[in-house]
Protein backbone atom coordinates (compact mmCIF):
# COMPACT_ATOMS: atom_id res chain seq x y z
CA UNK A 1 0.00 0.00 0.00
CA UNK A 2 1.64 3.20 -1.13
CA UNK A 3 1.25 6.34 1.02
CA UNK A 4 -0.16 8.36 -1.90
CA UNK A 5 -2.90 5.79 -2.51
CA UNK A 6 -3.57 5.49 1.21
CA UNK A 7 -4.03 9.24 1.61
CA UNK A 8 -6.76 9.20 -1.05
CA UNK A 9 -8.70 6.27 0.40
CA UNK A 10 -12.02 6.74 2.16
CA UNK A 11 -12.36 5.22 5.62
CA UNK A 12 -15.02 2.82 4.28
CA UNK A 13 -12.54 1.50 1.71
CA UNK A 14 -9.84 1.11 4.36
CA UNK A 15 -12.24 -0.90 6.50
CA UNK A 16 -13.18 -3.04 3.49
CA UNK A 17 -9.50 -3.73 2.79
CA UNK A 18 -8.83 -4.58 6.43
CA UNK A 19 -11.74 -7.04 6.43
CA UNK A 20 -10.53 -8.66 3.20
CA UNK A 21 -7.03 -9.08 4.63
CA UNK A 22 -8.46 -10.47 7.86
CA UNK A 23 -10.42 -13.09 5.91
CA UNK A 24 -7.32 -14.06 3.94
CA UNK A 25 -5.25 -14.38 7.10
CA UNK A 26 -7.96 -16.48 8.77
CA UNK A 27 -8.12 -18.80 5.74
CA UNK A 28 -4.34 -19.24 5.79
CA UNK A 29 -4.26 -19.96 9.50
CA UNK A 30 -7.16 -22.43 9.15
CA UNK A 31 -4.80 -24.66 7.15
CA UNK A 32 -1.83 -23.93 9.47
CA UNK A 33 -0.08 -21.69 6.93
CA UNK A 34 2.06 -18.95 8.41
CA UNK A 35 2.96 -16.07 6.05
CA UNK A 36 5.89 -14.70 8.13
CA UNK A 37 6.26 -11.47 6.13
CA UNK A 38 3.06 -9.48 6.50
CA UNK A 39 3.64 -5.77 5.99
CA UNK A 40 2.11 -2.89 4.04
CA UNK A 41 4.38 -3.40 1.03
CA UNK A 42 3.10 -6.98 0.72
CA UNK A 43 -0.48 -5.80 0.24
CA UNK A 44 -1.84 -4.95 -3.20
CA UNK A 45 -5.01 -2.99 -3.73
CA UNK A 46 -7.73 -3.54 -6.29
CA UNK A 47 -8.09 -0.85 -8.93
CA UNK A 48 -11.20 0.42 -7.13
CA UNK A 49 -9.33 0.55 -3.82
CA UNK A 50 -12.10 -1.39 -2.10
CA UNK A 51 -10.29 -4.65 -1.53
CA UNK A 52 -6.78 -5.85 -0.92
CA UNK A 53 -4.75 -9.02 -1.39
CA UNK A 54 -1.81 -10.33 0.57
CA UNK A 55 1.20 -11.21 -1.62
CA UNK A 56 4.79 -12.45 -1.31
CA UNK A 57 4.63 -15.94 0.12
CA UNK A 58 8.41 -16.50 -0.18
CA UNK A 59 8.78 -17.17 3.54
CA UNK A 60 5.45 -18.92 4.15
CA UNK A 61 5.49 -22.23 5.99
CA UNK A 62 3.02 -24.84 7.11
CA UNK A 63 3.09 -24.69 10.92
CA UNK A 64 3.11 -27.93 12.84
CA UNK A 65 4.46 -30.05 10.00
CA UNK A 66 7.55 -32.09 10.84
CA UNK A 67 10.52 -30.44 9.15
CA UNK A 68 8.32 -27.56 8.00
CA UNK A 69 9.38 -26.41 4.58
CA UNK A 70 8.91 -23.15 2.80
CA UNK A 71 6.10 -23.14 0.30
CA UNK A 72 8.23 -21.29 -2.23
CA UNK A 73 11.96 -21.09 -2.75
CA UNK A 74 13.99 -17.94 -3.13
CA UNK A 75 17.61 -16.93 -2.98
CA UNK A 76 16.68 -13.49 -1.71
CA UNK A 77 17.95 -12.63 1.75
CA UNK A 78 15.30 -11.31 4.12
CA UNK A 79 15.82 -7.87 5.54
CA UNK A 80 14.52 -6.93 8.96
CA UNK A 81 11.31 -4.93 8.81
CA UNK A 82 9.43 -3.07 11.51
CA UNK A 83 6.55 -5.51 11.01
CA UNK A 84 8.83 -8.52 11.44
CA UNK A 85 7.98 -10.32 14.68
CA UNK A 86 10.97 -11.05 16.89
CA UNK A 87 10.23 -14.78 16.94
CA UNK A 88 10.96 -14.89 13.19
CA UNK A 89 14.61 -14.18 13.92
CA UNK A 90 15.19 -17.75 15.08
CA UNK A 91 15.49 -20.97 13.14
CA UNK A 92 13.41 -22.95 15.64
CA UNK A 93 10.47 -24.57 13.85
CA UNK A 94 8.18 -24.13 16.85
CA UNK A 95 8.63 -20.35 16.67
CA UNK A 96 6.80 -20.15 13.33
CA UNK A 97 3.31 -19.63 14.67
CA UNK A 98 0.26 -17.63 13.80
CA UNK A 99 1.15 -15.13 16.54
CA UNK A 100 3.96 -13.76 14.38
CA UNK A 101 1.47 -13.10 11.59
CA UNK A 102 -0.99 -11.48 13.99
CA UNK A 103 1.68 -9.13 15.32
CA UNK A 104 2.73 -8.13 11.81
CA UNK A 105 -0.91 -7.78 10.75
CA UNK A 106 -1.44 -5.39 13.65
CA UNK A 107 1.43 -3.19 12.48
CA UNK A 108 -0.04 -3.27 8.97
CA UNK A 109 -3.42 -2.17 10.29
CA UNK A 110 -1.70 0.67 12.16
CA UNK A 111 -0.29 1.77 8.79
CA UNK A 112 -3.70 1.45 7.12
CA UNK A 113 -5.41 3.52 9.83
CA UNK A 114 -2.89 6.25 10.77
């Protein structure tokens, strides 16, 4: 979500986008998928600005699976972002939980509703 677009959005559209993202996150977590990189720059808006989609699943994992593997492969190194939950800085499989996504989603909502 770019600041210029955000500044032109009505509050109703922001709420609609937040609800769409919430539904996507709930659907992911229902199948134990953890995104691990939720942030404003990983959200794309529809052309009308009334809905949003979460993108960039490079770091996504299935939580609870033995030897959890990434769902996609990349050679890109991850930078540290303000929305990056501290538990993502470890390599322990049990640290990849939905709570990391919820924390990052909260920071994204703070960006959406300044």
